[in-house]
């Protein structure tokens, strides 16, 4: 998946969950995601390019397990510090991230 928008409002996600019930995000392969966004936020749900993004509001949080995440790229070469992130996990009061394999995260050299 390739996101070409270079504004700070553009984001790119492989999987996103923003619901109110308990979430189980399991047994997925997320790969080859790149984004040219100028988004510089480093907070879990707002980071520029993410493989898996959880921003749900369930008090029990989520279980994120047995996922494989490969080649997540932040490609904006301008003078911004865009960030690539395997899993963004925000808003829960509990939850678990288990047995997830990560490979190759790239950000441009400025």
PDB file of N, CA and C in Angstrom:
ATOM      1  N   UNK A   1       0.857  -1.150   0.000  1.00  0.00           N
ATOM      2  CA  UNK A   1       0.000   0.000   0.000  1.00  0.00           C
ATOM      3  C   UNK A   1       0.913   1.225   0.000  1.00  0.00           C
ATOM      4  N   UNK A   2       0.589   2.187  -0.827  1.00  0.00           N
ATOM      5  CA  UNK A   2       1.397   3.396  -0.930  1.00  0.00           C
ATOM      6  C   UNK A   2       0.502   4.619  -0.803  1.00  0.00           C
ATOM      7  N   UNK A   3       0.842   5.505   0.115  1.00  0.00           N
ATOM      8  CA  UNK A   3       0.116   6.745   0.316  1.00  0.00           C
ATOM      9  C   UNK A   3       1.021   7.871  -0.154  1.00  0.00           C
ATOM     10  N   UNK A   4       0.556   8.670  -1.130  1.00  0.00           N
ATOM     11  CA  UNK A   4       1.393   9.698  -1.734  1.00  0.00           C
ATOM     12  C   UNK A   4       1.153  11.110  -1.210  1.00  0.00           C
ATOM     13  N   UNK A   5       0.118  11.330  -0.415  1.00  0.00           N
ATOM     14  CA  UNK A   5      -0.182  12.672   0.083  1.00  0.00           C
ATOM     15  C   UNK A   5       0.933  13.200   0.973  1.00  0.00           C
ATOM     16  N   UNK A   6       1.355  14.414   0.751  1.00  0.00           N
ATOM     17  CA  UNK A   6       2.482  14.977   1.513  1.00  0.00           C
ATOM     18  C   UNK A   6       2.056  16.041   2.519  1.00  0.00           C
ATOM     19  N   UNK A   7       0.769  16.150   2.798  1.00  0.00           N
ATOM     20  CA  UNK A   7       0.319  17.100   3.817  1.00  0.00           C
ATOM     21  C   UNK A   7       0.461  16.473   5.200  1.00  0.00           C
ATOM     22  N   UNK A   8       0.398  17.287   6.238  1.00  0.00           N
ATOM     23  CA  UNK A   8       0.534  16.757   7.594  1.00  0.00           C
ATOM     24  C   UNK A   8      -0.716  15.996   8.042  1.00  0.00           C
ATOM     25  N   UNK A   9      -1.833  16.155   7.344  1.00  0.00           N
ATOM     26  CA  UNK A   9      -3.056  15.447   7.694  1.00  0.00           C
ATOM     27  C   UNK A   9      -3.151  14.053   7.112  1.00  0.00           C
ATOM     28  N   UNK A  10      -2.279  13.705   6.198  1.00  0.00           N
ATOM     29  CA  UNK A  10      -2.320  12.391   5.557  1.00  0.00           C
ATOM     30  C   UNK A  10      -1.684  11.345   6.481  1.00  0.00           C
ATOM     31  N   UNK A  11      -2.325  10.172   6.570  1.00  0.00           N
ATOM     32  CA  UNK A  11      -1.778   9.049   7.334  1.00  0.00           C
ATOM     33  C   UNK A  11      -1.985   7.769   6.538  1.00  0.00           C
ATOM     34  N   UNK A  12      -1.265   6.714   6.905  1.00  0.00           N
ATOM     35  CA  UNK A  12      -1.380   5.441   6.200  1.00  0.00           C
ATOM     36  C   UNK A  12      -1.377   4.311   7.238  1.00  0.00           C
ATOM     37  N   UNK A  13      -2.366   3.415   7.173  1.00  0.00           N
ATOM     38  CA  UNK A  13      -2.528   2.321   8.127  1.00  0.00           C
ATOM     39  C   UNK A  13      -2.778   1.012   7.392  1.00  0.00           C
ATOM     40  N   UNK A  14      -2.177  -0.068   7.863  1.00  0.00           N
ATOM     41  CA  UNK A  14      -2.498  -1.385   7.328  1.00  0.00           C
ATOM     42  C   UNK A  14      -3.807  -1.889   7.900  1.00  0.00           C
ATOM     43  N   UNK A  15      -3.930  -1.879   9.232  1.00  0.00           N
ATOM     44  CA  UNK A  15      -5.146  -2.277   9.946  1.00  0.00           C
ATOM     45  C   UNK A  15      -5.411  -1.207  10.993  1.00  0.00           C
ATOM     46  N   UNK A  16      -6.663  -0.778  11.117  1.00  0.00           N
ATOM     47  CA  UNK A  16      -7.025   0.186  12.155  1.00  0.00           C
ATOM     48  C   UNK A  16      -8.289  -0.275  12.859  1.00  0.00           C
ATOM     49  N   UNK A  17      -8.300  -0.131  14.186  1.00  0.00           N
ATOM     50  CA  UNK A  17      -9.496  -0.401  14.982  1.00  0.00           C
ATOM     51  C   UNK A  17      -9.735   0.807  15.882  1.00  0.00           C
ATOM     52  N   UNK A  18     -10.927   1.389  15.797  1.00  0.00           N
ATOM     53  CA  UNK A  18     -11.263   2.565  16.596  1.00  0.00           C
ATOM     54  C   UNK A  18     -12.625   2.393  17.267  1.00  0.00           C
ATOM     55  N   UNK A  19     -13.036   1.168  17.509  1.00  0.00           N
ATOM     56  CA  UNK A  19     -14.362   0.902  18.066  1.00  0.00           C
ATOM     57  C   UNK A  19     -14.421   1.011  19.580  1.00  0.00           C
ATOM     58  N   UNK A  20     -15.570   0.628  20.130  1.00  0.00           N
ATOM     59  CA  UNK A  20     -15.787   0.732  21.571  1.00  0.00           C
ATOM     60  C   UNK A  20     -15.759  -0.619  22.280  1.00  0.00           C
ATOM     61  N   UNK A  21     -15.826  -1.714  21.544  1.00  0.00           N
ATOM     62  CA  UNK A  21     -15.794  -3.049  22.149  1.00  0.00           C
ATOM     63  C   UNK A  21     -14.380  -3.605  22.177  1.00  0.00           C
ATOM     64  N   UNK A  22     -14.186  -4.672  22.949  1.00  0.00           N
ATOM     65  CA  UNK A  22     -12.889  -5.339  23.024  1.00  0.00           C
ATOM     66  C   UNK A  22     -12.479  -5.801  21.623  1.00  0.00           C
ATOM     67  N   UNK A  23     -11.228  -5.587  21.272  1.00  0.00           N
ATOM     68  CA  UNK A  23     -10.746  -5.956  19.938  1.00  0.00           C
ATOM     69  C   UNK A  23      -9.737  -7.090  20.029  1.00  0.00           C
ATOM     70  N   UNK A  24      -9.803  -7.989  19.072  1.00  0.00           N
ATOM     71  CA  UNK A  24      -8.776  -9.006  18.887  1.00  0.00           C
ATOM     72  C   UNK A  24      -8.245  -8.834  17.473  1.00  0.00           C
ATOM     73  N   UNK A  25      -6.973  -8.489  17.374  1.00  0.00           N
ATOM     74  CA  UNK A  25      -6.325  -8.313  16.069  1.00  0.00           C
ATOM     75  C   UNK A  25      -5.243  -9.384  16.000  1.00  0.00           C
ATOM     76  N   UNK A  26      -5.533 -10.477  15.306  1.00  0.00           N
ATOM     77  CA  UNK A  26      -4.662 -11.648  15.357  1.00  0.00           C
ATOM     78  C   UNK A  26      -4.466 -12.281  13.990  1.00  0.00           C
ATOM     79  N   UNK A  27      -3.303 -12.914  13.852  1.00  0.00           N
ATOM     80  CA  UNK A  27      -2.986 -13.758  12.704  1.00  0.00           C
ATOM     81  C   UNK A  27      -3.041 -13.020  11.373  1.00  0.00           C
ATOM     82  N   UNK A  28      -2.493 -11.815  11.351  1.00  0.00           N
ATOM     83  CA  UNK A  28      -2.451 -11.017  10.124  1.00  0.00           C
ATOM     84  C   UNK A  28      -1.014 -10.881   9.638  1.00  0.00           C
ATOM     85  N   UNK A  29      -0.865 -10.721   8.344  1.00  0.00           N
ATOM     86  CA  UNK A  29       0.419 -10.346   7.755  1.00  0.00           C
ATOM     87  C   UNK A  29       0.219  -8.972   7.136  1.00  0.00           C
ATOM     88  N   UNK A  30       0.947  -7.996   7.648  1.00  0.00           N
ATOM     89  CA  UNK A  30       0.871  -6.619   7.163  1.00  0.00           C
ATOM     90  C   UNK A  30       2.233  -6.318   6.549  1.00  0.00           C
ATOM     91  N   UNK A  31       2.253  -5.922   5.282  1.00  0.00           N
ATOM     92  CA  UNK A  31       3.557  -5.719   4.634  1.00  0.00           C
ATOM     93  C   UNK A  31       3.500  -4.649   3.562  1.00  0.00           C
ATOM     94  N   UNK A  32       4.676  -4.078   3.315  1.00  0.00           N
ATOM     95  CA  UNK A  32       4.877  -3.147   2.209  1.00  0.00           C
ATOM     96  C   UNK A  32       3.936  -1.947   2.265  1.00  0.00           C
ATOM     97  N   UNK A  33       4.009  -1.203   3.350  1.00  0.00           N
ATOM     98  CA  UNK A  33       3.227   0.019   3.516  1.00  0.00           C
ATOM     99  C   UNK A  33       4.185   1.191   3.498  1.00  0.00           C
ATOM    100  N   UNK A  34       3.887   2.192   2.676  1.00  0.00           N
ATOM    101  CA  UNK A  34       4.732   3.387   2.652  1.00  0.00           C
ATOM    102  C   UNK A  34       3.851   4.620   2.597  1.00  0.00           C
ATOM    103  N   UNK A  35       4.339   5.690   3.212  1.00  0.00           N
ATOM    104  CA  UNK A  35       3.587   6.931   3.231  1.00  0.00           C
ATOM    105  C   UNK A  35       4.503   8.137   3.126  1.00  0.00           C
ATOM    106  N   UNK A  36       4.107   9.096   2.311  1.00  0.00           N
ATOM    107  CA  UNK A  36       4.890  10.315   2.091  1.00  0.00           C
ATOM    108  C   UNK A  36       4.394  11.476   2.952  1.00  0.00           C
ATOM    109  N   UNK A  37       3.482  11.210   3.868  1.00  0.00           N
ATOM    110  CA  UNK A  37       2.898  12.233   4.718  1.00  0.00           C
ATOM    111  C   UNK A  37       3.937  13.106   5.424  1.00  0.00           C
ATOM    112  N   UNK A  38       3.567  14.341   5.722  1.00  0.00           N
ATOM    113  CA  UNK A  38       4.427  15.244   6.501  1.00  0.00           C
ATOM    114  C   UNK A  38       4.004  15.247   7.972  1.00  0.00           C
ATOM    115  N   UNK A  39       3.165  14.298   8.358  1.00  0.00           N
ATOM    116  CA  UNK A  39       2.718  14.171   9.742  1.00  0.00           C
ATOM    117  C   UNK A  39       3.915  13.845  10.638  1.00  0.00           C
ATOM    118  N   UNK A  40       4.154  14.640  11.675  1.00  0.00           N
ATOM    119  CA  UNK A  40       5.301  14.431  12.563  1.00  0.00           C
ATOM    120  C   UNK A  40       4.896  13.949  13.952  1.00  0.00           C
ATOM    121  N   UNK A  41       3.627  13.627  14.155  1.00  0.00           N
ATOM    122  CA  UNK A  41       3.143  13.197  15.467  1.00  0.00           C
ATOM    123  C   UNK A  41       3.736  11.851  15.852  1.00  0.00           C
ATOM    124  N   UNK A  42       4.103  11.710  17.136  1.00  0.00           N
ATOM    125  CA  UNK A  42       4.662  10.458  17.627  1.00  0.00           C
ATOM    126  C   UNK A  42       3.725   9.726  18.582  1.00  0.00           C
ATOM    127  N   UNK A  43       2.511  10.216  18.770  1.00  0.00           N
ATOM    128  CA  UNK A  43       1.555   9.570  19.669  1.00  0.00           C
ATOM    129  C   UNK A  43       0.938   8.354  18.988  1.00  0.00           C
ATOM    130  N   UNK A  44       0.697   7.300  19.758  1.00  0.00           N
ATOM    131  CA  UNK A  44       0.242   6.009  19.246  1.00  0.00           C
ATOM    132  C   UNK A  44      -0.720   6.010  18.082  1.00  0.00           C
ATOM    133  N   UNK A  45      -1.874   6.656  18.205  1.00  0.00           N
ATOM    134  CA  UNK A  45      -2.868   6.601  17.150  1.00  0.00           C
ATOM    135  C   UNK A  45      -2.684   7.609  16.050  1.00  0.00           C
ATOM    136  N   UNK A  46      -1.747   8.530  16.199  1.00  0.00           N
ATOM    137  CA  UNK A  46      -1.609   9.609  15.222  1.00  0.00           C
ATOM    138  C   UNK A  46      -0.307   9.548  14.424  1.00  0.00           C
ATOM    139  N   UNK A  47       0.545   8.581  14.696  1.00  0.00           N
ATOM    140  CA  UNK A  47       1.813   8.451  13.988  1.00  0.00           C
ATOM    141  C   UNK A  47       1.568   8.289  12.496  1.00  0.00           C
ATOM    142  N   UNK A  48       2.462   8.822  11.683  1.00  0.00           N
ATOM    143  CA  UNK A  48       2.274   8.937  10.237  1.00  0.00           C
ATOM    144  C   UNK A  48       1.964   7.623   9.519  1.00  0.00           C
ATOM    145  N   UNK A  49       2.823   6.627   9.642  1.00  0.00           N
ATOM    146  CA  UNK A  49       2.674   5.378   8.893  1.00  0.00           C
ATOM    147  C   UNK A  49       2.721   4.225   9.892  1.00  0.00           C
ATOM    148  N   UNK A  50       1.645   3.414   9.921  1.00  0.00           N
ATOM    149  CA  UNK A  50       1.564   2.340  10.908  1.00  0.00           C
ATOM    150  C   UNK A  50       1.092   1.041  10.275  1.00  0.00           C
ATOM    151  N   UNK A  51       1.648  -0.059  10.740  1.00  0.00           N
ATOM    152  CA  UNK A  51       1.175  -1.362  10.304  1.00  0.00           C
ATOM    153  C   UNK A  51      -0.177  -1.680  10.911  1.00  0.00           C
ATOM    154  N   UNK A  52      -0.270  -1.601  12.255  1.00  0.00           N
ATOM    155  CA  UNK A  52      -1.519  -1.832  12.978  1.00  0.00           C
ATOM    156  C   UNK A  52      -1.742  -0.647  13.906  1.00  0.00           C
ATOM    157  N   UNK A  53      -2.953  -0.112  13.902  1.00  0.00           N
ATOM    158  CA  UNK A  53      -3.289   1.039  14.730  1.00  0.00           C
ATOM    159  C   UNK A  53      -4.519   0.716  15.567  1.00  0.00           C
ATOM    160  N   UNK A  54      -4.366   0.747  16.903  1.00  0.00           N
ATOM    161  CA  UNK A  54      -5.498   0.547  17.812  1.00  0.00           C
ATOM    162  C   UNK A  54      -5.752   1.839  18.569  1.00  0.00           C
ATOM    163  N   UNK A  55      -6.927   2.416  18.399  1.00  0.00           N
ATOM    164  CA  UNK A  55      -7.326   3.609  19.154  1.00  0.00           C
ATOM    165  C   UNK A  55      -8.696   3.403  19.789  1.00  0.00           C
ATOM    166  N   UNK A  56      -9.057   2.157  20.018  1.00  0.00           N
ATOM    167  CA  UNK A  56     -10.358   1.842  20.598  1.00  0.00           C
ATOM    168  C   UNK A  56     -10.498   2.384  22.010  1.00  0.00           C
ATOM    169  N   UNK A  57     -11.730   2.391  22.506  1.00  0.00           N
ATOM    170  CA  UNK A  57     -12.008   2.954  23.831  1.00  0.00           C
ATOM    171  C   UNK A  57     -12.530   1.930  24.823  1.00  0.00           C
ATOM    172  N   UNK A  58     -12.436   0.654  24.519  1.00  0.00           N
ATOM    173  CA  UNK A  58     -12.885  -0.378  25.446  1.00  0.00           C
ATOM    174  C   UNK A  58     -12.032  -0.344  26.714  1.00  0.00           C
ATOM    175  N   UNK A  59     -12.654  -0.405  27.913  1.00  0.00           N
ATOM    176  CA  UNK A  59     -11.867  -0.458  29.148  1.00  0.00           C
ATOM    177  C   UNK A  59     -10.942  -1.677  29.201  1.00  0.00           C
ATOM    178  N   UNK A  60     -11.308  -2.738  28.489  1.00  0.00           N
ATOM    179  CA  UNK A  60     -10.481  -3.948  28.467  1.00  0.00           C
ATOM    180  C   UNK A  60      -9.371  -3.877  27.428  1.00  0.00           C
ATOM    181  N   UNK A  61      -9.351  -2.844  26.602  1.00  0.00           N
ATOM    182  CA  UNK A  61      -8.312  -2.694  25.594  1.00  0.00           C
ATOM    183  C   UNK A  61      -8.457  -3.683  24.463  1.00  0.00           C
ATOM    184  N   UNK A  62      -7.346  -4.319  24.105  1.00  0.00           N
ATOM    185  CA  UNK A  62      -7.343  -5.241  22.969  1.00  0.00           C
ATOM    186  C   UNK A  62      -6.277  -6.297  23.166  1.00  0.00           C
ATOM    187  N   UNK A  63      -6.399  -7.365  22.404  1.00  0.00           N
ATOM    188  CA  UNK A  63      -5.315  -8.332  22.275  1.00  0.00           C
ATOM    189  C   UNK A  63      -4.821  -8.255  20.842  1.00  0.00           C
ATOM    190  N   UNK A  64      -3.563  -7.923  20.691  1.00  0.00           N
ATOM    191  CA  UNK A  64      -2.909  -7.871  19.385  1.00  0.00           C
ATOM    192  C   UNK A  64      -1.865  -8.982  19.419  1.00  0.00           C
ATOM    193  N   UNK A  65      -2.082 -10.054  18.638  1.00  0.00           N
ATOM    194  CA  UNK A  65      -1.189 -11.205  18.769  1.00  0.00           C
ATOM    195  C   UNK A  65      -0.980 -11.937  17.454  1.00  0.00           C
ATOM    196  N   UNK A  66       0.144 -12.611  17.391  1.00  0.00           N
ATOM    197  CA  UNK A  66       0.481 -13.485  16.263  1.00  0.00           C
ATOM    198  C   UNK A  66       0.399 -12.796  14.909  1.00  0.00           C
ATOM    199  N   UNK A  67       0.803 -11.549  14.856  1.00  0.00           N
ATOM    200  CA  UNK A  67       0.828 -10.800  13.601  1.00  0.00           C
ATOM    201  C   UNK A  67       2.259 -10.731  13.077  1.00  0.00           C
ATOM    202  N   UNK A  68       2.401 -10.579  11.789  1.00  0.00           N
ATOM    203  CA  UNK A  68       3.703 -10.360  11.163  1.00  0.00           C
ATOM    204  C   UNK A  68       3.638  -9.021  10.444  1.00  0.00           C
ATOM    205  N   UNK A  69       4.597  -8.150  10.731  1.00  0.00           N
ATOM    206  CA  UNK A  69       4.607  -6.808  10.149  1.00  0.00           C
ATOM    207  C   UNK A  69       5.954  -6.595   9.473  1.00  0.00           C
ATOM    208  N   UNK A  70       5.934  -6.336   8.175  1.00  0.00           N
ATOM    209  CA  UNK A  70       7.154  -6.216   7.384  1.00  0.00           C
ATOM    210  C   UNK A  70       7.159  -4.939   6.549  1.00  0.00           C
ATOM    211  N   UNK A  71       8.271  -4.301   6.450  1.00  0.00           N
ATOM    212  CA  UNK A  71       8.565  -3.198   5.539  1.00  0.00           C
ATOM    213  C   UNK A  71       7.539  -2.072   5.629  1.00  0.00           C
ATOM    214  N   UNK A  72       7.662  -1.287   6.684  1.00  0.00           N
ATOM    215  CA  UNK A  72       6.842  -0.093   6.897  1.00  0.00           C
ATOM    216  C   UNK A  72       7.766   1.097   6.662  1.00  0.00           C
ATOM    217  N   UNK A  73       7.407   1.969   5.720  1.00  0.00           N
ATOM    218  CA  UNK A  73       8.310   3.057   5.327  1.00  0.00           C
ATOM    219  C   UNK A  73       7.644   4.424   5.437  1.00  0.00           C
ATOM    220  N   UNK A  74       8.365   5.379   6.034  1.00  0.00           N
ATOM    221  CA  UNK A  74       7.990   6.790   5.991  1.00  0.00           C
ATOM    222  C   UNK A  74       8.889   7.398   4.923  1.00  0.00           C
ATOM    223  N   UNK A  75       8.318   7.875   3.823  1.00  0.00           N
ATOM    224  CA  UNK A  75       9.122   8.236   2.653  1.00  0.00           C
ATOM    225  C   UNK A  75       9.231   9.724   2.370  1.00  0.00           C
ATOM    226  N   UNK A  76       8.674  10.579   3.226  1.00  0.00           N
ATOM    227  CA  UNK A  76       8.756  12.015   2.974  1.00  0.00           C
ATOM    228  C   UNK A  76      10.200  12.472   3.148  1.00  0.00           C
ATOM    229  N   UNK A  77      10.806  12.951   2.084  1.00  0.00           N
ATOM    230  CA  UNK A  77      12.221  13.346   2.106  1.00  0.00           C
ATOM    231  C   UNK A  77      12.413  14.831   2.390  1.00  0.00           C
ATOM    232  N   UNK A  78      11.336  15.556   2.675  1.00  0.00           N
ATOM    233  CA  UNK A  78      11.464  16.971   3.009  1.00  0.00           C
ATOM    234  C   UNK A  78      11.950  17.131   4.440  1.00  0.00           C
ATOM    235  N   UNK A  79      12.073  18.338   4.895  1.00  0.00           N
ATOM    236  CA  UNK A  79      12.626  18.618   6.226  1.00  0.00           C
ATOM    237  C   UNK A  79      11.587  18.408   7.327  1.00  0.00           C
ATOM    238  N   UNK A  80      11.019  17.221   7.394  1.00  0.00           N
ATOM    239  CA  UNK A  80      10.097  16.848   8.456  1.00  0.00           C
ATOM    240  C   UNK A  80      10.531  15.497   9.018  1.00  0.00           C
ATOM    241  N   UNK A  81      10.195  15.247  10.244  1.00  0.00           N
ATOM    242  CA  UNK A  81      10.583  13.980  10.874  1.00  0.00           C
ATOM    243  C   UNK A  81       9.397  13.025  10.889  1.00  0.00           C
ATOM    244  N   UNK A  82       9.026  12.486   9.737  1.00  0.00           N
ATOM    245  CA  UNK A  82       7.934  11.521   9.692  1.00  0.00           C
ATOM    246  C   UNK A  82       8.397  10.211  10.309  1.00  0.00           C
ATOM    247  N   UNK A  83       7.449   9.447  10.821  1.00  0.00           N
ATOM    248  CA  UNK A  83       7.778   8.264  11.592  1.00  0.00           C
ATOM    249  C   UNK A  83       7.018   7.046  11.078  1.00  0.00           C
ATOM    250  N   UNK A  84       7.701   5.912  11.040  1.00  0.00           N
ATOM    251  CA  UNK A  84       7.075   4.630  10.725  1.00  0.00           C
ATOM    252  C   UNK A  84       6.966   3.838  12.022  1.00  0.00           C
ATOM    253  N   UNK A  85       5.842   3.153  12.214  1.00  0.00           N
ATOM    254  CA  UNK A  85       5.580   2.444  13.466  1.00  0.00           C
ATOM    255  C   UNK A  85       4.899   1.119  13.164  1.00  0.00           C
ATOM    256  N   UNK A  86       5.341   0.046  13.800  1.00  0.00           N
ATOM    257  CA  UNK A  86       4.715  -1.261  13.596  1.00  0.00           C
ATOM    258  C   UNK A  86       3.313  -1.288  14.186  1.00  0.00           C
ATOM    259  N   UNK A  87       3.203  -0.990  15.490  1.00  0.00           N
ATOM    260  CA  UNK A  87       1.907  -1.016  16.167  1.00  0.00           C
ATOM    261  C   UNK A  87       1.736   0.268  16.962  1.00  0.00           C
ATOM    262  N   UNK A  88       0.658   0.978  16.689  1.00  0.00           N
ATOM    263  CA  UNK A  88       0.270   2.134  17.493  1.00  0.00           C
ATOM    264  C   UNK A  88      -0.872   1.709  18.383  1.00  0.00           C
ATOM    265  N   UNK A  89      -0.722   1.887  19.702  1.00  0.00           N
ATOM    266  CA  UNK A  89      -1.705   1.398  20.666  1.00  0.00           C
ATOM    267  C   UNK A  89      -2.002   2.524  21.634  1.00  0.00           C
ATOM    268  N   UNK A  90      -3.174   3.135  21.510  1.00  0.00           N
ATOM    269  CA  UNK A  90      -3.495   4.260  22.388  1.00  0.00           C
ATOM    270  C   UNK A  90      -4.930   4.180  22.887  1.00  0.00           C
ATOM    271  N   UNK A  91      -5.203   4.866  23.969  1.00  0.00           N
ATOM    272  CA  UNK A  91      -6.505   5.004  24.619  1.00  0.00           C
ATOM    273  C   UNK A  91      -6.906   3.879  25.569  1.00  0.00           C
ATOM    274  N   UNK A  92      -6.395   2.672  25.501  1.00  0.00           N
ATOM    275  CA  UNK A  92      -6.906   1.633  26.396  1.00  0.00           C
ATOM    276  C   UNK A  92      -6.357   1.783  27.812  1.00  0.00           C
ATOM    277  N   UNK A  93      -7.080   1.212  28.760  1.00  0.00           N
ATOM    278  CA  UNK A  93      -6.574   1.159  30.126  1.00  0.00           C
ATOM    279  C   UNK A  93      -5.895  -0.178  30.391  1.00  0.00           C
ATOM    280  N   UNK A  94      -6.025  -1.112  29.473  1.00  0.00           N
ATOM    281  CA  UNK A  94      -5.338  -2.401  29.579  1.00  0.00           C
ATOM    282  C   UNK A  94      -5.261  -3.022  28.185  1.00  0.00           C
ATOM    283  N   UNK A  95      -4.757  -4.218  28.112  1.00  0.00           N
ATOM    284  CA  UNK A  95      -4.646  -4.909  26.837  1.00  0.00           C
ATOM    285  C   UNK A  95      -3.285  -5.572  26.708  1.00  0.00           C
ATOM    286  N   UNK A  96      -3.085  -6.307  25.604  1.00  0.00           N
ATOM    287  CA  UNK A  96      -1.845  -7.057  25.433  1.00  0.00           C
ATOM    288  C   UNK A  96      -1.390  -7.052  23.978  1.00  0.00           C
ATOM    289  N   UNK A  97      -0.089  -7.000  23.793  1.00  0.00           N
ATOM    290  CA  UNK A  97       0.523  -7.223  22.481  1.00  0.00           C
ATOM    291  C   UNK A  97       1.446  -8.413  22.663  1.00  0.00           C
ATOM    292  N   UNK A  98       1.169  -9.491  21.929  1.00  0.00           N
ATOM    293  CA  UNK A  98       1.881 -10.747  22.123  1.00  0.00           C
ATOM    294  C   UNK A  98       2.390 -11.319  20.809  1.00  0.00           C
ATOM    295  N   UNK A  99       3.493 -12.019  20.850  1.00  0.00           N
ATOM    296  CA  UNK A  99       4.012 -12.838  19.750  1.00  0.00           C
ATOM    297  C   UNK A  99       3.834 -12.214  18.370  1.00  0.00           C
ATOM    298  N   UNK A 100       4.361 -11.039  18.212  1.00  0.00           N
ATOM    299  CA  UNK A 100       4.286 -10.357  16.926  1.00  0.00           C
ATOM    300  C   UNK A 100       5.696 -10.196  16.375  1.00  0.00           C
ATOM    301  N   UNK A 101       5.870 -10.485  15.106  1.00  0.00           N
ATOM    302  CA  UNK A 101       7.182 -10.403  14.452  1.00  0.00           C
ATOM    303  C   UNK A 101       7.268  -9.115  13.645  1.00  0.00           C
ATOM    304  N   UNK A 102       8.392  -8.397  13.800  1.00  0.00           N
ATOM    305  CA  UNK A 102       8.594  -7.133  13.119  1.00  0.00           C
ATOM    306  C   UNK A 102       9.862  -7.195  12.269  1.00  0.00           C
ATOM    307  N   UNK A 103       9.809  -6.605  11.084  1.00  0.00           N
ATOM    308  CA  UNK A 103      10.992  -6.537  10.224  1.00  0.00           C
ATOM    309  C   UNK A 103      10.989  -5.244   9.414  1.00  0.00           C
ATOM    310  N   UNK A 104      12.090  -4.559   9.335  1.00  0.00           N
ATOM    311  CA  UNK A 104      12.389  -3.443   8.436  1.00  0.00           C
ATOM    312  C   UNK A 104      11.429  -2.258   8.541  1.00  0.00           C
ATOM    313  N   UNK A 105      11.898  -1.234   9.215  1.00  0.00           N
ATOM    314  CA  UNK A 105      11.194   0.042   9.284  1.00  0.00           C
ATOM    315  C   UNK A 105      12.140   1.091   8.761  1.00  0.00           C
ATOM    316  N   UNK A 106      11.690   1.944   7.857  1.00  0.00           N
ATOM    317  CA  UNK A 106      12.571   2.905   7.208  1.00  0.00           C
ATOM    318  C   UNK A 106      12.003   4.309   7.296  1.00  0.00           C
ATOM    319  N   UNK A 107      12.919   5.249   7.556  1.00  0.00           N
ATOM    320  CA  UNK A 107      12.575   6.664   7.517  1.00  0.00           C
ATOM    321  C   UNK A 107      13.672   7.353   6.703  1.00  0.00           C
ATOM    322  N   UNK A 108      13.357   8.396   5.977  1.00  0.00           N
ATOM    323  CA  UNK A 108      14.362   9.039   5.126  1.00  0.00           C
ATOM    324  C   UNK A 108      15.430   9.737   5.950  1.00  0.00           C
ATOM    325  N   UNK A 109      16.610   9.799   5.407  1.00  0.00           N
ATOM    326  CA  UNK A 109      17.682  10.569   6.013  1.00  0.00           C
ATOM    327  C   UNK A 109      17.551  11.998   5.550  1.00  0.00           C
ATOM    328  N   UNK A 110      17.597  12.919   6.473  1.00  0.00           N
ATOM    329  CA  UNK A 110      17.459  14.328   6.117  1.00  0.00           C
ATOM    330  C   UNK A 110      18.796  14.996   6.043  1.00  0.00           C
TER     331      UNK A 110
END
